[in-house]
Amino acid sequence: MKAAAKKELMSKTIDELLKDLRDLKAEIAKMSIEMTSGKIKNTNAIKDKKKIIARIMTYLSQKKEMGEVKVSV
């Protein structure tokens, strides 16, 4: 993930981060089904999306510590 993409994630609001989190989890579920059926060849894409999810969760916890908003994921 490029530095610009990290800065973009950091600048998003909590609602936007939660929406991205839900979307990424849905994509991973879809990709894992496609992988078991043999449709998907790039298995690293799932790993990359999991890393992005971890970053989003980190930014959410940082924002929670700052006291911006109470978050329950």
C-alpha atoms as a PDB file:
ATOM      1  CA  MET A   1       0.000   0.000   0.000  1.00  0.00           C
ATOM      2  CA  LYS A   2       1.396   3.345  -1.039  1.00  0.00           C
ATOM      3  CA  ALA A   3       1.858   6.230   1.369  1.00  0.00           C
ATOM      4  CA  ALA A   4      -0.832   8.234  -0.401  1.00  0.00           C
ATOM      5  CA  ALA A   5      -3.356   5.447   0.155  1.00  0.00           C
ATOM      6  CA  LYS A   6      -2.448   5.310   3.850  1.00  0.00           C
ATOM      7  CA  LYS A   7      -2.937   9.061   4.184  1.00  0.00           C
ATOM      8  CA  GLU A   8      -6.278   8.729   2.425  1.00  0.00           C
ATOM      9  CA  LEU A   9      -7.380   6.090   4.929  1.00  0.00           C
ATOM     10  CA  MET A  10      -6.244   8.244   7.846  1.00  0.00           C
ATOM     11  CA  SER A  11      -8.225  11.224   6.587  1.00  0.00           C
ATOM     12  CA  LYS A  12     -11.496   9.316   6.239  1.00  0.00           C
ATOM     13  CA  THR A  13     -14.258   9.643   8.780  1.00  0.00           C
ATOM     14  CA  ILE A  14     -15.282   6.784  11.008  1.00  0.00           C
ATOM     15  CA  ASP A  15     -18.419   6.117   8.978  1.00  0.00           C
ATOM     16  CA  GLU A  16     -16.405   5.905   5.763  1.00  0.00           C
ATOM     17  CA  LEU A  17     -13.905   3.553   7.399  1.00  0.00           C
ATOM     18  CA  LEU A  18     -16.693   1.295   8.652  1.00  0.00           C
ATOM     19  CA  LYS A  19     -18.237   1.215   5.180  1.00  0.00           C
ATOM     20  CA  ASP A  20     -14.860   0.307   3.646  1.00  0.00           C
ATOM     21  CA  LEU A  21     -14.436  -2.382   6.276  1.00  0.00           C
ATOM     22  CA  ARG A  22     -17.797  -3.961   5.444  1.00  0.00           C
ATOM     23  CA  ASP A  23     -17.081  -3.796   1.713  1.00  0.00           C
ATOM     24  CA  LEU A  24     -13.661  -5.409   2.063  1.00  0.00           C
ATOM     25  CA  LYS A  25     -15.013  -8.222   4.222  1.00  0.00           C
ATOM     26  CA  ALA A  26     -17.692  -8.909   1.613  1.00  0.00           C
ATOM     27  CA  GLU A  27     -15.056  -8.930  -1.141  1.00  0.00           C
ATOM     28  CA  ILE A  28     -12.929 -11.408   0.795  1.00  0.00           C
ATOM     29  CA  ALA A  29     -15.906 -13.705   1.290  1.00  0.00           C
ATOM     30  CA  LYS A  30     -16.691 -13.556  -2.424  1.00  0.00           C
ATOM     31  CA  MET A  31     -13.065 -14.115  -3.395  1.00  0.00           C
ATOM     32  CA  SER A  32     -12.669 -17.098  -1.086  1.00  0.00           C
ATOM     33  CA  ILE A  33     -15.702 -18.753  -2.683  1.00  0.00           C
ATOM     34  CA  GLU A  34     -14.271 -18.060  -6.128  1.00  0.00           C
ATOM     35  CA  MET A  35     -10.914 -19.426  -5.041  1.00  0.00           C
ATOM     36  CA  THR A  36     -12.391 -22.722  -3.878  1.00  0.00           C
ATOM     37  CA  SER A  37     -14.234 -23.093  -7.169  1.00  0.00           C
ATOM     38  CA  GLY A  38     -11.030 -22.363  -9.092  1.00  0.00           C
ATOM     39  CA  LYS A  39     -12.152 -19.124 -10.730  1.00  0.00           C
ATOM     40  CA  ILE A  40      -9.566 -16.910  -9.066  1.00  0.00           C
ATOM     41  CA  LYS A  41      -5.856 -17.307  -9.697  1.00  0.00           C
ATOM     42  CA  ASN A  42      -4.418 -14.425  -7.654  1.00  0.00           C
ATOM     43  CA  THR A  43      -4.559 -15.689  -4.078  1.00  0.00           C
ATOM     44  CA  ASN A  44      -2.380 -12.817  -2.880  1.00  0.00           C
ATOM     45  CA  ALA A  45      -5.303 -10.432  -3.394  1.00  0.00           C
ATOM     46  CA  ILE A  46      -7.048 -11.913  -0.358  1.00  0.00           C
ATOM     47  CA  LYS A  47      -3.933 -11.414   1.751  1.00  0.00           C
ATOM     48  CA  ASP A  48      -3.632  -7.810   0.571  1.00  0.00           C
ATOM     49  CA  LYS A  49      -7.263  -7.068   1.430  1.00  0.00           C
ATOM     50  CA  LYS A  50      -6.762  -8.564   4.893  1.00  0.00           C
ATOM     51  CA  LYS A  51      -3.838  -6.192   5.414  1.00  0.00           C
ATOM     52  CA  ILE A  52      -6.008  -3.242   4.421  1.00  0.00           C
ATOM     53  CA  ILE A  53      -8.669  -4.427   6.879  1.00  0.00           C
ATOM     54  CA  ALA A  54      -6.025  -4.531   9.618  1.00  0.00           C
ATOM     55  CA  ARG A  55      -4.983  -0.966   8.777  1.00  0.00           C
ATOM     56  CA  ILE A  56      -8.580   0.228   8.882  1.00  0.00           C
ATOM     57  CA  MET A  57      -9.109  -1.438  12.256  1.00  0.00           C
ATOM     58  CA  THR A  58      -5.919   0.236  13.517  1.00  0.00           C
ATOM     59  CA  TYR A  59      -7.091   3.657  12.378  1.00  0.00           C
ATOM     60  CA  LEU A  60     -10.490   3.050  13.970  1.00  0.00           C
ATOM     61  CA  SER A  61      -8.895   2.175  17.298  1.00  0.00           C
ATOM     62  CA  GLN A  62      -6.645   5.240  17.081  1.00  0.00           C
ATOM     63  CA  LYS A  63      -9.634   7.457  16.471  1.00  0.00           C
ATOM     64  CA  LYS A  64     -11.416   5.800  19.382  1.00  0.00           C
ATOM     65  CA  GLU A  65      -8.457   6.497  21.676  1.00  0.00           C
ATOM     66  CA  MET A  66      -8.455  10.115  20.569  1.00  0.00           C
ATOM     67  CA  GLY A  67     -12.037  10.282  21.707  1.00  0.00           C
ATOM     68  CA  GLU A  68     -13.554  11.154  18.351  1.00  0.00           C
ATOM     69  CA  VAL A  69     -16.415   8.675  18.580  1.00  0.00           C
ATOM     70  CA  LYS A  70     -17.182   5.448  20.362  1.00  0.00           C
ATOM     71  CA  VAL A  71     -16.816   2.622  17.864  1.00  0.00           C
ATOM     72  CA  SER A  72     -18.076  -0.928  18.099  1.00  0.00           C
ATOM     73  CA  VAL A  73     -16.920  -3.146  15.258  1.00  0.00           C
END
